Amino acid sequence: MKTFIISLIYCFTPVLNVSAGGDWQVNKDFENNVTFYSSTTMLDFEGSTKNVDGYIYWEGDSLFKTNNEIYFEVDLSSFNTGIGKRDSDMRNDVLHTRKYPFSKFKGTFSSVEKTDAGYNVIASGTLSLHGVEKPVEIPGQIEINNNKMNVLSTFTILLKDYNIEAPSLMAFIKVAQEIKININLSLTNKSL
């Protein structure tokens, strides 16, 4: 009888360990969206893409806390501003997407605060863009319901920090250095 109980514990231990941690991956069936907002003295414009991949992983019973890791990458060549020429110029002359096709973030949760709606988090790590890697802290909100995680974030970057020259849209009208980025992602639990 004792051997039978030990065998049962051994058989179910991997299941218990898997459910105690989290392995969440971007759900490609959801309308994931990364949008940037930019402005000039005369107009504002935005570009967006759904081509995002990545994961959030942690070990243990505490959400996000033990050995956590975050990784996301965005396909820069897929941004659409609604104007073909502007998209082509942005890809070829500004972001140089043939040489630097992706922007990537890799980091960990440095702060997690439980709220009524979910969690307020700060992700600390490295943002890679245009061949430059910079340490960043990115705030976000996370909601988890029925094995679905929704991640929202809004933050800004400066083009000059990533050796990106602010383009001119018309003669003498430069795009602002500060770019606002909104992220809306859905992840599913792959550890179940």
Protein backbone atom coordinates (compact mmCIF):
# COMPACT_ATOMS: atom_id res chain seq x y z
CA MET A 1 0.00 0.00 0.00
CA LYS A 2 2.82 2.41 0.89
CA THR A 3 4.50 1.72 -2.49
CA PHE A 4 1.20 2.40 -4.27
CA ILE A 5 0.79 5.81 -2.54
CA ILE A 6 4.42 6.77 -3.30
CA SER A 7 3.86 5.76 -6.94
CA LEU A 8 0.75 7.96 -7.12
CA ILE A 9 2.62 10.93 -5.64
CA TYR A 10 5.47 10.39 -8.09
CA CYS A 11 3.07 10.15 -11.05
CA PHE A 12 1.24 13.37 -10.18
CA THR A 13 4.24 15.45 -9.07
CA PRO A 14 5.03 16.74 -12.60
CA VAL A 15 1.42 17.87 -12.99
CA LEU A 16 1.55 19.71 -9.67
CA ASN A 17 4.84 21.40 -10.57
CA VAL A 18 3.56 22.49 -13.97
CA SER A 19 0.37 23.98 -12.54
CA ALA A 20 2.32 25.79 -9.83
CA GLY A 21 4.20 27.87 -12.39
CA GLY A 22 3.16 29.70 -15.50
CA ASP A 23 4.09 29.49 -19.16
CA TRP A 24 1.97 31.98 -21.07
CA GLN A 25 2.45 32.60 -24.79
CA VAL A 26 1.04 35.21 -27.15
CA ASN A 27 -2.20 33.92 -28.60
CA LYS A 28 -2.01 34.48 -32.37
CA ASP A 29 -5.79 34.00 -32.72
CA PHE A 30 -6.45 37.20 -30.74
CA GLU A 31 -6.31 40.71 -32.17
CA ASN A 32 -2.96 41.58 -30.56
CA ASN A 33 -1.90 45.10 -31.27
CA VAL A 34 1.16 47.31 -30.90
CA THR A 35 0.56 50.93 -31.89
CA PHE A 36 2.95 53.86 -32.00
CA TYR A 37 1.87 57.50 -31.94
CA SER A 38 3.98 60.28 -33.36
CA SER A 39 3.49 63.95 -34.10
CA THR A 40 4.84 66.92 -35.95
CA THR A 41 3.99 70.58 -35.55
CA MET A 42 1.24 70.13 -38.15
CA LEU A 43 -0.18 66.64 -37.70
CA ASP A 44 -0.33 63.52 -35.58
CA PHE A 45 -0.16 60.02 -36.99
CA GLU A 46 0.05 56.43 -35.82
CA GLY A 47 1.07 53.03 -37.04
CA SER A 48 0.10 49.61 -35.81
CA THR A 49 0.88 45.94 -36.22
CA LYS A 50 -0.56 42.64 -35.06
CA ASN A 51 2.70 40.78 -35.70
CA VAL A 52 3.84 40.22 -32.13
CA ASP A 53 5.23 37.11 -30.46
CA GLY A 54 6.48 36.32 -26.99
CA TYR A 55 5.87 34.82 -23.59
CA ILE A 56 5.67 35.38 -19.84
CA TYR A 57 7.10 32.62 -17.64
CA TRP A 58 7.47 32.09 -13.90
CA GLU A 59 8.08 29.28 -11.44
CA GLY A 60 6.33 28.60 -8.14
CA ASP A 61 2.96 29.41 -6.63
CA SER A 62 3.27 33.22 -6.52
CA LEU A 63 2.19 34.81 -9.77
CA PHE A 64 5.09 36.39 -11.65
CA LYS A 65 7.45 36.34 -8.66
CA THR A 66 9.90 33.40 -8.76
CA ASN A 67 12.36 33.08 -11.65
CA ASN A 68 10.12 35.09 -13.93
CA GLU A 69 11.02 36.00 -17.49
CA ILE A 70 9.33 38.17 -20.10
CA TYR A 71 10.11 38.20 -23.81
CA PHE A 72 8.29 39.98 -26.63
CA GLU A 73 9.27 40.78 -30.19
CA VAL A 74 7.54 43.00 -32.74
CA ASP A 75 7.95 42.71 -36.52
CA LEU A 76 8.84 46.31 -37.46
CA SER A 77 8.34 45.74 -41.18
CA SER A 78 4.65 45.05 -40.60
CA PHE A 79 3.72 48.48 -39.15
CA ASN A 80 0.95 50.15 -41.13
CA THR A 81 0.28 53.90 -40.91
CA GLY A 82 -2.38 53.94 -43.62
CA ILE A 83 -0.13 55.63 -46.21
CA GLY A 84 1.99 53.32 -48.35
CA LYS A 85 4.77 55.83 -49.11
CA ARG A 86 5.13 56.76 -45.43
CA ASP A 87 5.26 53.04 -44.53
CA SER A 88 7.94 52.38 -47.14
CA ASP A 89 10.02 55.39 -46.04
CA MET A 90 9.68 54.39 -42.38
CA ARG A 91 10.79 50.82 -43.06
CA ASN A 92 13.63 51.60 -45.47
CA ASP A 93 14.97 55.03 -44.47
CA VAL A 94 14.15 55.36 -40.77
CA LEU A 95 13.97 51.92 -39.09
CA HIS A 96 16.14 50.09 -41.67
CA THR A 97 14.04 46.95 -41.21
CA ARG A 98 16.11 44.85 -43.62
CA LYS A 99 19.00 45.13 -41.18
CA TYR A 100 16.94 45.41 -37.96
CA PRO A 101 13.64 43.57 -38.61
CA PHE A 102 12.52 43.22 -34.98
CA SER A 103 12.25 45.22 -31.81
CA LYS A 104 12.68 42.96 -28.77
CA PHE A 105 12.13 43.26 -25.05
CA LYS A 106 13.58 40.79 -22.54
CA GLY A 107 13.28 41.25 -18.81
CA THR A 108 11.63 40.36 -15.52
CA PHE A 109 8.89 41.75 -13.31
CA SER A 110 10.52 44.11 -10.83
CA SER A 111 7.21 45.14 -9.25
CA VAL A 112 3.84 43.37 -8.96
CA GLU A 113 0.87 44.93 -7.18
CA LYS A 114 -2.51 43.18 -6.87
CA THR A 115 -5.52 45.37 -7.74
CA ASP A 116 -9.28 44.80 -7.99
CA ALA A 117 -8.97 44.36 -11.74
CA GLY A 118 -5.77 42.27 -11.80
CA TYR A 119 -2.16 43.38 -11.39
CA ASN A 120 -0.16 46.55 -11.92
CA VAL A 121 3.35 45.57 -12.92
CA ILE A 122 6.67 47.07 -13.87
CA ALA A 123 8.83 45.07 -16.24
CA SER A 124 12.55 45.85 -16.06
CA GLY A 125 14.83 44.71 -18.82
CA THR A 126 16.40 45.52 -22.16
CA LEU A 127 14.64 47.01 -25.16
CA SER A 128 16.41 46.31 -28.44
CA LEU A 129 15.58 48.59 -31.38
CA HIS A 130 17.54 49.60 -34.48
CA GLY A 131 20.62 47.70 -33.27
CA VAL A 132 20.69 49.49 -29.89
CA GLU A 133 19.97 47.85 -26.54
CA LYS A 134 18.82 50.09 -23.68
CA PRO A 135 17.73 49.29 -20.12
CA VAL A 136 14.07 50.27 -19.62
CA GLU A 137 11.26 50.00 -17.10
CA ILE A 138 7.86 49.45 -18.69
CA PRO A 139 4.63 49.78 -16.69
CA GLY A 140 1.68 47.54 -17.44
CA GLN A 141 -1.61 46.09 -16.33
CA ILE A 142 -2.37 42.37 -16.41
CA GLU A 143 -5.74 40.64 -16.07
CA ILE A 144 -6.09 36.86 -15.87
CA ASN A 145 -9.45 35.14 -16.50
CA ASN A 146 -10.15 31.53 -17.55
CA ASN A 147 -6.60 30.75 -18.75
CA LYS A 148 -6.46 33.99 -20.72
CA MET A 149 -4.07 36.80 -19.82
CA ASN A 150 -4.56 40.31 -21.16
CA VAL A 151 -1.50 42.60 -21.06
CA LEU A 152 -1.85 46.37 -21.52
CA SER A 153 0.99 48.87 -21.49
CA THR A 154 1.66 52.47 -22.50
CA PHE A 155 5.15 53.97 -22.48
CA THR A 156 7.34 56.35 -24.47
CA ILE A 157 10.73 56.12 -26.12
CA LEU A 158 13.02 58.75 -27.63
CA LEU A 159 14.19 58.09 -31.19
CA LYS A 160 17.67 59.49 -30.46
CA ASP A 161 18.17 56.86 -27.71
CA TYR A 162 18.09 54.20 -30.44
CA ASN A 163 20.15 56.09 -33.04
CA ILE A 164 17.04 56.75 -35.12
CA GLU A 165 17.02 60.06 -36.96
CA ALA A 166 13.62 61.75 -36.72
CA PRO A 167 12.33 61.84 -40.29
CA SER A 168 10.93 64.85 -42.09
CA LEU A 169 7.43 64.46 -43.44
CA MET A 170 7.61 67.67 -45.48
CA ALA A 171 10.35 70.24 -45.88
CA PHE A 172 11.40 71.53 -42.43
CA ILE A 173 8.74 69.51 -40.57
CA LYS A 174 10.39 66.87 -38.41
CA VAL A 175 8.73 64.08 -36.49
CA ALA A 176 8.93 64.55 -32.71
CA GLN A 177 11.66 62.67 -30.83
CA GLU A 178 9.18 61.20 -28.36
CA ILE A 179 7.16 58.24 -29.58
CA LYS A 180 4.26 56.87 -27.52
CA ILE A 181 3.68 53.11 -27.67
CA ASN A 182 0.51 51.24 -26.70
CA ILE A 183 0.49 47.47 -26.30
CA ASN A 184 -2.58 45.21 -26.07
CA LEU A 185 -1.76 41.49 -26.02
CA SER A 186 -3.59 38.29 -25.21
CA LEU A 187 -1.68 35.29 -23.89
CA THR A 188 -2.82 31.74 -23.17
CA ASN A 189 -1.55 29.38 -20.49
CA LYS A 190 0.60 26.68 -22.11
CA SER A 191 1.51 25.03 -18.81
CA LEU A 192 -1.90 23.37 -18.40
